[in-house]
Each structure stands twice: as structure tokens, then as C-alpha cells.
Amino acid sequence: MNRKILVPVISILIVFLIAQFPIFPLLVETREILDDGENLYQMWRFTSMPEFYDAADYARLGWLDTTWSNYLILFLLNHIGLILIFFTVRNILRRFLEKNR
């Protein structure tokens, strides 16, 4: 019984810790206003999930709808990756605990 609870809890903790590393893609847009006009720069960088959420909130409130759509797509991809990591870690822990029985 303890192993049935222990494996998901440890898997969630590992996923939470992985989410703190800057490994998730983020599209950063910067605007530069000059005398000649306005320039918009886009570049990719890697952030942690908390930084991603902050950037997505900022994009939702202050940027174009296309930027918000890009953030939603990245949100889905990042979370699918975290879900896959969860199941991978869970399977590894189950196999490890079964071998040590």
C-alpha cells in the first residue's frame, strides 16, 4: 500500500523539481521604439515554468493576440512534456521497486 502512494508522490516531486530548471522554450518579444518607427524582435530562450507563467501573463495582458496564441501552444507543449516526464519517472520507480522486492 505504501508503494502505491510513494511512487506517485515521488514522481510529482521530481516533476516539480524539473519544472524549476530553465529547460522550457519561451518566445520572447521585445519592442524598440525609435525616431524612425517601431521594431519588434522575437527570440527563443529557455526558462523555468514559473518564469514561463509570468511571461505568459504579461503577454496576455500587453501583447498581440498572435503572441498569446504562441504562448498557449508553448504552454501545451511544455505541459505535455511534464506529463511524459511524470509517467516516465513513475515507470522507472515502479520497475526499481519491483526489482528490490
PDB file of N, CA and C in Angstrom:
ATOM      1  N   MET A   1       0.822  -1.200   0.000  1.00  0.00           N
ATOM      2  CA  MET A   1       0.000   0.000   0.000  1.00  0.00           C
ATOM      3  C   MET A   1       0.863   1.259   0.000  1.00  0.00           C
ATOM      4  N   ASN A   2       1.935   1.254   0.786  1.00  0.00           N
ATOM      5  CA  ASN A   2       2.799   2.418   0.853  1.00  0.00           C
ATOM      6  C   ASN A   2       3.476   2.704  -0.483  1.00  0.00           C
ATOM      7  N   ARG A   3       3.795   1.653  -1.229  1.00  0.00           N
ATOM      8  CA  ARG A   3       4.439   1.850  -2.521  1.00  0.00           C
ATOM      9  C   ARG A   3       3.482   2.467  -3.539  1.00  0.00           C
ATOM     10  N   LYS A   4       2.204   2.150  -3.431  1.00  0.00           N
ATOM     11  CA  LYS A   4       1.220   2.731  -4.351  1.00  0.00           C
ATOM     12  C   LYS A   4       1.080   4.234  -4.128  1.00  0.00           C
ATOM     13  N   ILE A   5       1.312   4.685  -2.924  1.00  0.00           N
ATOM     14  CA  ILE A   5       1.253   6.121  -2.622  1.00  0.00           C
ATOM     15  C   ILE A   5       2.617   6.763  -2.856  1.00  0.00           C
ATOM     16  N   LEU A   6       3.663   6.064  -2.506  1.00  0.00           N
ATOM     17  CA  LEU A   6       5.014   6.599  -2.584  1.00  0.00           C
ATOM     18  C   LEU A   6       5.450   6.910  -4.017  1.00  0.00           C
ATOM     19  N   VAL A   7       5.157   6.028  -4.936  1.00  0.00           N
ATOM     20  CA  VAL A   7       5.601   6.208  -6.324  1.00  0.00           C
ATOM     21  C   VAL A   7       4.993   7.471  -6.952  1.00  0.00           C
ATOM     22  N   PRO A   8       3.667   7.701  -6.882  1.00  0.00           N
ATOM     23  CA  PRO A   8       3.141   8.946  -7.464  1.00  0.00           C
ATOM     24  C   PRO A   8       3.628  10.205  -6.752  1.00  0.00           C
ATOM     25  N   VAL A   9       3.789  10.134  -5.445  1.00  0.00           N
ATOM     26  CA  VAL A   9       4.251  11.313  -4.707  1.00  0.00           C
ATOM     27  C   VAL A   9       5.678  11.670  -5.105  1.00  0.00           C
ATOM     28  N   ILE A  10       6.546  10.687  -5.174  1.00  0.00           N
ATOM     29  CA  ILE A  10       7.928  10.950  -5.593  1.00  0.00           C
ATOM     30  C   ILE A  10       7.963  11.422  -7.042  1.00  0.00           C
ATOM     31  N   SER A  11       7.119  10.852  -7.889  1.00  0.00           N
ATOM     32  CA  SER A  11       7.068  11.274  -9.298  1.00  0.00           C
ATOM     33  C   SER A  11       6.635  12.726  -9.412  1.00  0.00           C
ATOM     34  N   ILE A  12       5.650  13.128  -8.641  1.00  0.00           N
ATOM     35  CA  ILE A  12       5.190  14.520  -8.670  1.00  0.00           C
ATOM     36  C   ILE A  12       6.282  15.448  -8.157  1.00  0.00           C
ATOM     37  N   LEU A  13       6.978  15.059  -7.109  1.00  0.00           N
ATOM     38  CA  LEU A  13       8.069  15.887  -6.580  1.00  0.00           C
ATOM     39  C   LEU A  13       9.193  16.047  -7.600  1.00  0.00           C
ATOM     40  N   ILE A  14       9.528  14.979  -8.292  1.00  0.00           N
ATOM     41  CA  ILE A  14      10.583  15.064  -9.309  1.00  0.00           C
ATOM     42  C   ILE A  14      10.148  15.971 -10.460  1.00  0.00           C
ATOM     43  N   VAL A  15       8.902  15.854 -10.884  1.00  0.00           N
ATOM     44  CA  VAL A  15       8.389  16.734 -11.952  1.00  0.00           C
ATOM     45  C   VAL A  15       8.401  18.188 -11.481  1.00  0.00           C
ATOM     46  N   PHE A  16       8.029  18.431 -10.238  1.00  0.00           N
ATOM     47  CA  PHE A  16       8.048  19.788  -9.686  1.00  0.00           C
ATOM     48  C   PHE A  16       9.473  20.345  -9.693  1.00  0.00           C
ATOM     49  N   LEU A  17      10.445  19.525  -9.308  1.00  0.00           N
ATOM     50  CA  LEU A  17      11.834  19.976  -9.315  1.00  0.00           C
ATOM     51  C   LEU A  17      12.343  20.228 -10.731  1.00  0.00           C
ATOM     52  N   ILE A  18      11.966  19.376 -11.666  1.00  0.00           N
ATOM     53  CA  ILE A  18      12.379  19.566 -13.064  1.00  0.00           C
ATOM     54  C   ILE A  18      11.780  20.849 -13.631  1.00  0.00           C
ATOM     55  N   ALA A  19      10.572  21.190 -13.214  1.00  0.00           N
ATOM     56  CA  ALA A  19       9.916  22.408 -13.703  1.00  0.00           C
ATOM     57  C   ALA A  19      10.647  23.673 -13.268  1.00  0.00           C
ATOM     58  N   GLN A  20      11.522  23.581 -12.271  1.00  0.00           N
ATOM     59  CA  GLN A  20      12.266  24.740 -11.803  1.00  0.00           C
ATOM     60  C   GLN A  20      13.508  25.026 -12.637  1.00  0.00           C
ATOM     61  N   PHE A  21      13.916  24.066 -13.477  1.00  0.00           N
ATOM     62  CA  PHE A  21      15.094  24.247 -14.321  1.00  0.00           C
ATOM     63  C   PHE A  21      14.725  25.005 -15.597  1.00  0.00           C
ATOM     64  N   PRO A  22      15.648  25.811 -16.106  1.00  0.00           N
ATOM     65  CA  PRO A  22      15.372  26.563 -17.344  1.00  0.00           C
ATOM     66  C   PRO A  22      15.528  25.707 -18.599  1.00  0.00           C
ATOM     67  N   ILE A  23      14.565  24.811 -18.827  1.00  0.00           N
ATOM     68  CA  ILE A  23      14.641  23.901 -19.968  1.00  0.00           C
ATOM     69  C   ILE A  23      13.419  24.009 -20.878  1.00  0.00           C
ATOM     70  N   PHE A  24      12.523  24.924 -20.587  1.00  0.00           N
ATOM     71  CA  PHE A  24      11.280  25.035 -21.340  1.00  0.00           C
ATOM     72  C   PHE A  24      11.361  26.213 -22.300  1.00  0.00           C
ATOM     73  N   PRO A  25      10.999  25.998 -23.571  1.00  0.00           N
ATOM     74  CA  PRO A  25      11.128  27.077 -24.556  1.00  0.00           C
ATOM     75  C   PRO A  25      10.123  28.195 -24.321  1.00  0.00           C
ATOM     76  N   LEU A  26      10.581  29.402 -24.613  1.00  0.00           N
ATOM     77  CA  LEU A  26       9.755  30.601 -24.467  1.00  0.00           C
ATOM     78  C   LEU A  26      10.092  31.545 -25.614  1.00  0.00           C
ATOM     79  N   LEU A  27       9.077  32.101 -26.216  1.00  0.00           N
ATOM     80  CA  LEU A  27       9.259  33.095 -27.269  1.00  0.00           C
ATOM     81  C   LEU A  27       9.215  34.474 -26.623  1.00  0.00           C
ATOM     82  N   VAL A  28      10.327  35.179 -26.708  1.00  0.00           N
ATOM     83  CA  VAL A  28      10.427  36.498 -26.096  1.00  0.00           C
ATOM     84  C   VAL A  28      10.313  37.545 -27.190  1.00  0.00           C
ATOM     85  N   GLU A  29       9.412  38.481 -26.990  1.00  0.00           N
ATOM     86  CA  GLU A  29       9.255  39.583 -27.937  1.00  0.00           C
ATOM     87  C   GLU A  29       9.624  40.883 -27.236  1.00  0.00           C
ATOM     88  N   THR A  30      10.426  41.675 -27.913  1.00  0.00           N
ATOM     89  CA  THR A  30      10.786  42.987 -27.384  1.00  0.00           C
ATOM     90  C   THR A  30      10.462  44.031 -28.437  1.00  0.00           C
ATOM     91  N   ARG A  31       9.986  45.128 -27.952  1.00  0.00           N
ATOM     92  CA  ARG A  31       9.680  46.257 -28.841  1.00  0.00           C
ATOM     93  C   ARG A  31      10.682  47.365 -28.588  1.00  0.00           C
ATOM     94  N   GLU A  32      11.116  47.949 -29.683  1.00  0.00           N
ATOM     95  CA  GLU A  32      12.056  49.051 -29.601  1.00  0.00           C
ATOM     96  C   GLU A  32      11.458  50.213 -30.388  1.00  0.00           C
ATOM     97  N   ILE A  33      11.260  51.317 -29.723  1.00  0.00           N
ATOM     98  CA  ILE A  33      10.674  52.485 -30.372  1.00  0.00           C
ATOM     99  C   ILE A  33      11.787  53.484 -30.658  1.00  0.00           C
ATOM    100  N   LEU A  34      11.950  53.772 -31.928  1.00  0.00           N
ATOM    101  CA  LEU A  34      12.969  54.699 -32.387  1.00  0.00           C
ATOM    102  C   LEU A  34      12.298  55.895 -33.055  1.00  0.00           C
ATOM    103  N   ASP A  35      13.099  56.858 -33.432  1.00  0.00           N
ATOM    104  CA  ASP A  35      12.560  58.007 -34.169  1.00  0.00           C
ATOM    105  C   ASP A  35      12.018  57.583 -35.528  1.00  0.00           C
ATOM    106  N   ASP A  36      12.630  56.553 -36.119  1.00  0.00           N
ATOM    107  CA  ASP A  36      12.217  56.069 -37.436  1.00  0.00           C
ATOM    108  C   ASP A  36      10.953  55.214 -37.384  1.00  0.00           C
ATOM    109  N   GLY A  37      10.623  54.710 -36.226  1.00  0.00           N
ATOM    110  CA  GLY A  37       9.467  53.827 -36.110  1.00  0.00           C
ATOM    111  C   GLY A  37       9.675  52.805 -35.000  1.00  0.00           C
ATOM    112  N   GLU A  38       8.941  51.740 -35.122  1.00  0.00           N
ATOM    113  CA  GLU A  38       8.971  50.714 -34.083  1.00  0.00           C
ATOM    114  C   GLU A  38       9.531  49.416 -34.653  1.00  0.00           C
ATOM    115  N   ASN A  39      10.385  48.763 -33.890  1.00  0.00           N
ATOM    116  CA  ASN A  39      10.938  47.462 -34.271  1.00  0.00           C
ATOM    117  C   ASN A  39      10.448  46.415 -33.287  1.00  0.00           C
ATOM    118  N   LEU A  40      10.138  45.252 -33.799  1.00  0.00           N
ATOM    119  CA  LEU A  40       9.704  44.139 -32.972  1.00  0.00           C
ATOM    120  C   LEU A  40      10.681  42.992 -33.182  1.00  0.00           C
ATOM    121  N   TYR A  41      11.290  42.538 -32.093  1.00  0.00           N
ATOM    122  CA  TYR A  41      12.244  41.445 -32.150  1.00  0.00           C
ATOM    123  C   TYR A  41      11.650  40.227 -31.449  1.00  0.00           C
ATOM    124  N   GLN A  42      11.871  39.077 -32.027  1.00  0.00           N
ATOM    125  CA  GLN A  42      11.453  37.823 -31.411  1.00  0.00           C
ATOM    126  C   GLN A  42      12.665  36.912 -31.310  1.00  0.00           C
ATOM    127  N   MET A  43      12.809  36.276 -30.157  1.00  0.00           N
ATOM    128  CA  MET A  43      13.887  35.312 -29.998  1.00  0.00           C
ATOM    129  C   MET A  43      13.442  34.234 -29.013  1.00  0.00           C
ATOM    130  N   TRP A  44      14.046  33.077 -29.181  1.00  0.00           N
ATOM    131  CA  TRP A  44      13.757  31.946 -28.306  1.00  0.00           C
ATOM    132  C   TRP A  44      14.732  31.946 -27.153  1.00  0.00           C
ATOM    133  N   ARG A  45      14.236  31.581 -25.994  1.00  0.00           N
ATOM    134  CA  ARG A  45      15.114  31.335 -24.856  1.00  0.00           C
ATOM    135  C   ARG A  45      14.470  30.268 -23.990  1.00  0.00           C
ATOM    136  N   PHE A  46      15.228  29.734 -23.094  1.00  0.00           N
ATOM    137  CA  PHE A  46      14.731  28.681 -22.227  1.00  0.00           C
ATOM    138  C   PHE A  46      14.547  29.232 -20.816  1.00  0.00           C
ATOM    139  N   THR A  47      13.407  28.895 -20.226  1.00  0.00           N
ATOM    140  CA  THR A  47      13.084  29.377 -18.886  1.00  0.00           C
ATOM    141  C   THR A  47      12.527  28.229 -18.055  1.00  0.00           C
ATOM    142  N   SER A  48      12.337  28.527 -16.790  1.00  0.00           N
ATOM    143  CA  SER A  48      11.656  27.569 -15.923  1.00  0.00           C
ATOM    144  C   SER A  48      10.153  27.789 -16.068  1.00  0.00           C
ATOM    145  N   MET A  49       9.362  26.877 -15.568  1.00  0.00           N
ATOM    146  CA  MET A  49       7.910  27.018 -15.679  1.00  0.00           C
ATOM    147  C   MET A  49       7.373  28.231 -14.908  1.00  0.00           C
ATOM    148  N   PRO A  50       7.866  28.552 -13.707  1.00  0.00           N
ATOM    149  CA  PRO A  50       7.376  29.778 -13.059  1.00  0.00           C
ATOM    150  C   PRO A  50       7.653  31.033 -13.890  1.00  0.00           C
ATOM    151  N   GLU A  51       8.844  31.109 -14.497  1.00  0.00           N
ATOM    152  CA  GLU A  51       9.142  32.251 -15.370  1.00  0.00           C
ATOM    153  C   GLU A  51       8.244  32.243 -16.604  1.00  0.00           C
ATOM    154  N   PHE A  52       7.948  31.056 -17.117  1.00  0.00           N
ATOM    155  CA  PHE A  52       7.063  30.944 -18.270  1.00  0.00           C
ATOM    156  C   PHE A  52       5.677  31.487 -17.934  1.00  0.00           C
ATOM    157  N   TYR A  53       5.156  31.130 -16.757  1.00  0.00           N
ATOM    158  CA  TYR A  53       3.834  31.627 -16.347  1.00  0.00           C
ATOM    159  C   TYR A  53       3.829  33.152 -16.226  1.00  0.00           C
ATOM    160  N   ASP A  54       4.890  33.714 -15.659  1.00  0.00           N
ATOM    161  CA  ASP A  54       4.968  35.173 -15.544  1.00  0.00           C
ATOM    162  C   ASP A  54       4.983  35.835 -16.913  1.00  0.00           C
ATOM    163  N   ALA A  55       5.777  35.285 -17.828  1.00  0.00           N
ATOM    164  CA  ALA A  55       5.852  35.851 -19.179  1.00  0.00           C
ATOM    165  C   ALA A  55       4.528  35.688 -19.913  1.00  0.00           C
ATOM    166  N   ALA A  56       3.846  34.571 -19.706  1.00  0.00           N
ATOM    167  CA  ALA A  56       2.558  34.352 -20.370  1.00  0.00           C
ATOM    168  C   ALA A  56       1.502  35.324 -19.846  1.00  0.00           C
ATOM    169  N   ASP A  57       1.499  35.586 -18.551  1.00  0.00           N
ATOM    170  CA  ASP A  57       0.559  36.582 -18.006  1.00  0.00           C
ATOM    171  C   ASP A  57       0.832  37.959 -18.582  1.00  0.00           C
ATOM    172  N   TYR A  58       2.103  38.316 -18.675  1.00  0.00           N
ATOM    173  CA  TYR A  58       2.469  39.608 -19.249  1.00  0.00           C
ATOM    174  C   TYR A  58       2.048  39.678 -20.721  1.00  0.00           C
ATOM    175  N   ALA A  59       2.262  38.601 -21.463  1.00  0.00           N
ATOM    176  CA  ALA A  59       1.891  38.576 -22.877  1.00  0.00           C
ATOM    177  C   ALA A  59       0.383  38.651 -23.050  1.00  0.00           C
ATOM    178  N   ARG A  60      -0.343  37.989 -22.169  1.00  0.00           N
ATOM    179  CA  ARG A  60      -1.811  38.002 -22.268  1.00  0.00           C
ATOM    180  C   ARG A  60      -2.356  39.408 -22.055  1.00  0.00           C
ATOM    181  N   LEU A  61      -1.735  40.158 -21.164  1.00  0.00           N
ATOM    182  CA  LEU A  61      -2.243  41.487 -20.834  1.00  0.00           C
ATOM    183  C   LEU A  61      -1.753  42.575 -21.783  1.00  0.00           C
ATOM    184  N   GLY A  62      -0.543  42.428 -22.321  1.00  0.00           N
ATOM    185  CA  GLY A  62       0.007  43.570 -23.025  1.00  0.00           C
ATOM    186  C   GLY A  62       0.424  43.378 -24.457  1.00  0.00           C
ATOM    187  N   TRP A  63       0.316  42.173 -25.011  1.00  0.00           N
ATOM    188  CA  TRP A  63       0.823  41.963 -26.351  1.00  0.00           C
ATOM    189  C   TRP A  63      -0.302  41.587 -27.307  1.00  0.00           C
ATOM    190  N   LEU A  64       0.092  41.310 -28.508  1.00  0.00           N
ATOM    191  CA  LEU A  64      -0.866  40.986 -29.556  1.00  0.00           C
ATOM    192  C   LEU A  64      -1.481  39.612 -29.345  1.00  0.00           C
ATOM    193  N   ASP A  65      -2.621  39.368 -29.979  1.00  0.00           N
ATOM    194  CA  ASP A  65      -3.283  38.065 -29.861  1.00  0.00           C
ATOM    195  C   ASP A  65      -2.441  36.937 -30.445  1.00  0.00           C
ATOM    196  N   THR A  66      -1.664  37.237 -31.483  1.00  0.00           N
ATOM    197  CA  THR A  66      -0.816  36.182 -32.062  1.00  0.00           C
ATOM    198  C   THR A  66       0.257  35.751 -31.070  1.00  0.00           C
ATOM    199  N   THR A  67       0.774  36.686 -30.308  1.00  0.00           N
ATOM    200  CA  THR A  67       1.761  36.345 -29.283  1.00  0.00           C
ATOM    201  C   THR A  67       1.130  35.464 -28.224  1.00  0.00           C
ATOM    202  N   TRP A  68      -0.078  35.791 -27.815  1.00  0.00           N
ATOM    203  CA  TRP A  68      -0.782  34.991 -26.818  1.00  0.00           C
ATOM    204  C   TRP A  68      -1.049  33.589 -27.354  1.00  0.00           C
ATOM    205  N   SER A  69      -1.380  33.469 -28.622  1.00  0.00           N
ATOM    206  CA  SER A  69      -1.581  32.147 -29.232  1.00  0.00           C
ATOM    207  C   SER A  69      -0.296  31.335 -29.201  1.00  0.00           C
ATOM    208  N   ASN A  70       0.832  31.976 -29.493  1.00  0.00           N
ATOM    209  CA  ASN A  70       2.119  31.285 -29.425  1.00  0.00           C
ATOM    210  C   ASN A  70       2.392  30.778 -28.010  1.00  0.00           C
ATOM    211  N   TYR A  71       2.067  31.592 -27.016  1.00  0.00           N
ATOM    212  CA  TYR A  71       2.272  31.182 -25.631  1.00  0.00           C
ATOM    213  C   TYR A  71       1.363  30.012 -25.263  1.00  0.00           C
ATOM    214  N   LEU A  72       0.151  29.994 -25.782  1.00  0.00           N
ATOM    215  CA  LEU A  72      -0.741  28.868 -25.500  1.00  0.00           C
ATOM    216  C   LEU A  72      -0.209  27.566 -26.102  1.00  0.00           C
ATOM    217  N   ILE A  73       0.320  27.651 -27.303  1.00  0.00           N
ATOM    218  CA  ILE A  73       0.901  26.469 -27.940  1.00  0.00           C
ATOM    219  C   ILE A  73       2.099  25.974 -27.134  1.00  0.00           C
ATOM    220  N   LEU A  74       2.966  26.898 -26.734  1.00  0.00           N
ATOM    221  CA  LEU A  74       4.115  26.511 -25.919  1.00  0.00           C
ATOM    222  C   LEU A  74       3.677  25.968 -24.561  1.00  0.00           C
ATOM    223  N   PHE A  75       2.615  26.536 -24.001  1.00  0.00           N
ATOM    224  CA  PHE A  75       2.063  26.047 -22.736  1.00  0.00           C
ATOM    225  C   PHE A  75       1.670  24.579 -22.866  1.00  0.00           C
ATOM    226  N   LEU A  76       0.965  24.255 -23.928  1.00  0.00           N
ATOM    227  CA  LEU A  76       0.550  22.869 -24.150  1.00  0.00           C
ATOM    228  C   LEU A  76       1.749  21.947 -24.346  1.00  0.00           C
ATOM    229  N   LEU A  77       2.706  22.362 -25.149  1.00  0.00           N
ATOM    230  CA  LEU A  77       3.885  21.533 -25.389  1.00  0.00           C
ATOM    231  C   LEU A  77       4.697  21.320 -24.114  1.00  0.00           C
ATOM    232  N   ASN A  78       4.878  22.383 -23.336  1.00  0.00           N
ATOM    233  CA  ASN A  78       5.633  22.261 -22.091  1.00  0.00           C
ATOM    234  C   ASN A  78       4.938  21.331 -21.103  1.00  0.00           C
ATOM    235  N   HIS A  79       3.613  21.425 -21.016  1.00  0.00           N
ATOM    236  CA  HIS A  79       2.891  20.589 -20.066  1.00  0.00           C
ATOM    237  C   HIS A  79       2.780  19.141 -20.540  1.00  0.00           C
ATOM    238  N   ILE A  80       2.706  18.931 -21.833  1.00  0.00           N
ATOM    239  CA  ILE A  80       2.754  17.558 -22.350  1.00  0.00           C
ATOM    240  C   ILE A  80       4.104  16.937 -21.993  1.00  0.00           C
ATOM    241  N   GLY A  81       5.169  17.727 -22.117  1.00  0.00           N
ATOM    242  CA  GLY A  81       6.489  17.242 -21.719  1.00  0.00           C
ATOM    243  C   GLY A  81       6.555  16.892 -20.244  1.00  0.00           C
ATOM    244  N   LEU A  82       5.964  17.729 -19.389  1.00  0.00           N
ATOM    245  CA  LEU A  82       5.964  17.432 -17.956  1.00  0.00           C
ATOM    246  C   LEU A  82       5.144  16.181 -17.638  1.00  0.00           C
ATOM    247  N   ILE A  83       4.052  15.997 -18.336  1.00  0.00           N
ATOM    248  CA  ILE A  83       3.228  14.798 -18.123  1.00  0.00           C
ATOM    249  C   ILE A  83       3.998  13.551 -18.548  1.00  0.00           C
ATOM    250  N   LEU A  84       4.702  13.627 -19.670  1.00  0.00           N
ATOM    251  CA  LEU A  84       5.514  12.494 -20.125  1.00  0.00           C
ATOM    252  C   LEU A  84       6.637  12.197 -19.130  1.00  0.00           C
ATOM    253  N   ILE A  85       7.241  13.238 -18.576  1.00  0.00           N
ATOM    254  CA  ILE A  85       8.272  13.040 -17.565  1.00  0.00           C
ATOM    255  C   ILE A  85       7.684  12.348 -16.344  1.00  0.00           C
ATOM    256  N   PHE A  86       6.480  12.746 -15.933  1.00  0.00           N
ATOM    257  CA  PHE A  86       5.824  12.129 -14.785  1.00  0.00           C
ATOM    258  C   PHE A  86       5.644  10.627 -15.005  1.00  0.00           C
ATOM    259  N   PHE A  87       5.095  10.251 -16.145  1.00  0.00           N
ATOM    260  CA  PHE A  87       4.858   8.837 -16.411  1.00  0.00           C
ATOM    261  C   PHE A  87       6.164   8.056 -16.561  1.00  0.00           C
ATOM    262  N   THR A  88       7.175   8.673 -17.140  1.00  0.00           N
ATOM    263  CA  THR A  88       8.471   8.017 -17.267  1.00  0.00           C
ATOM    264  C   THR A  88       9.091   7.763 -15.899  1.00  0.00           C
ATOM    265  N   VAL A  89       9.081   8.779 -15.045  1.00  0.00           N
ATOM    266  CA  VAL A  89       9.636   8.628 -13.698  1.00  0.00           C
ATOM    267  C   VAL A  89       8.837   7.594 -12.911  1.00  0.00           C
ATOM    268  N   ARG A  90       7.526   7.623 -13.047  1.00  0.00           N
ATOM    269  CA  ARG A  90       6.683   6.659 -12.336  1.00  0.00           C
ATOM    270  C   ARG A  90       7.010   5.227 -12.761  1.00  0.00           C
ATOM    271  N   ASN A  91       7.172   5.008 -14.061  1.00  0.00           N
ATOM    272  CA  ASN A  91       7.510   3.664 -14.550  1.00  0.00           C
ATOM    273  C   ASN A  91       8.893   3.223 -14.086  1.00  0.00           C
ATOM    274  N   ILE A  92       9.841   4.140 -14.098  1.00  0.00           N
ATOM    275  CA  ILE A  92      11.194   3.812 -13.626  1.00  0.00           C
ATOM    276  C   ILE A  92      11.165   3.445 -12.142  1.00  0.00           C
ATOM    277  N   LEU A  93      10.439   4.214 -11.341  1.00  0.00           N
ATOM    278  CA  LEU A  93      10.351   3.919  -9.908  1.00  0.00           C
ATOM    279  C   LEU A  93       9.659   2.589  -9.652  1.00  0.00           C
ATOM    280  N   ARG A  94       8.606   2.311 -10.395  1.00  0.00           N
ATOM    281  CA  ARG A  94       7.913   1.027 -10.227  1.00  0.00           C
ATOM    282  C   ARG A  94       8.835  -0.149 -10.533  1.00  0.00           C
ATOM    283  N   ARG A  95       9.565  -0.057 -11.638  1.00  0.00           N
ATOM    284  CA  ARG A  95      10.487  -1.134 -12.001  1.00  0.00           C
ATOM    285  C   ARG A  95      11.597  -1.280 -10.964  1.00  0.00           C
ATOM    286  N   PHE A  96      12.097  -0.162 -10.495  1.00  0.00           N
ATOM    287  CA  PHE A  96      13.161  -0.196  -9.488  1.00  0.00           C
ATOM    288  C   PHE A  96      12.656  -0.832  -8.192  1.00  0.00           C
ATOM    289  N   LEU A  97      11.477  -0.479  -7.758  1.00  0.00           N
ATOM    290  CA  LEU A  97      10.927  -1.036  -6.520  1.00  0.00           C
ATOM    291  C   LEU A  97      10.549  -2.512  -6.671  1.00  0.00           C
ATOM    292  N   GLU A  98      10.123  -2.915  -7.861  1.00  0.00           N
ATOM    293  CA  GLU A  98       9.785  -4.323  -8.095  1.00  0.00           C
ATOM    294  C   GLU A  98      11.049  -5.199  -8.090  1.00  0.00           C
ATOM    295  N   LYS A  99      12.150  -4.670  -8.593  1.00  0.00           N
ATOM    296  CA  LYS A  99      13.398  -5.436  -8.596  1.00  0.00           C
ATOM    297  C   LYS A  99      13.948  -5.615  -7.184  1.00  0.00           C
ATOM    298  N   ASN A 100      13.694  -4.646  -6.333  1.00  0.00           N
ATOM    299  CA  ASN A 100      14.218  -4.704  -4.964  1.00  0.00           C
ATOM    300  C   ASN A 100      13.320  -5.449  -4.006  1.00  0.00           C
ATOM    301  N   ARG A 101      12.265  -6.027  -4.478  1.00  0.00           N
ATOM    302  CA  ARG A 101      11.357  -6.791  -3.618  1.00  0.00           C
ATOM    303  C   ARG A 101      11.954  -8.064  -3.204  1.00  0.00           C
TER     304      ARG A 101
END
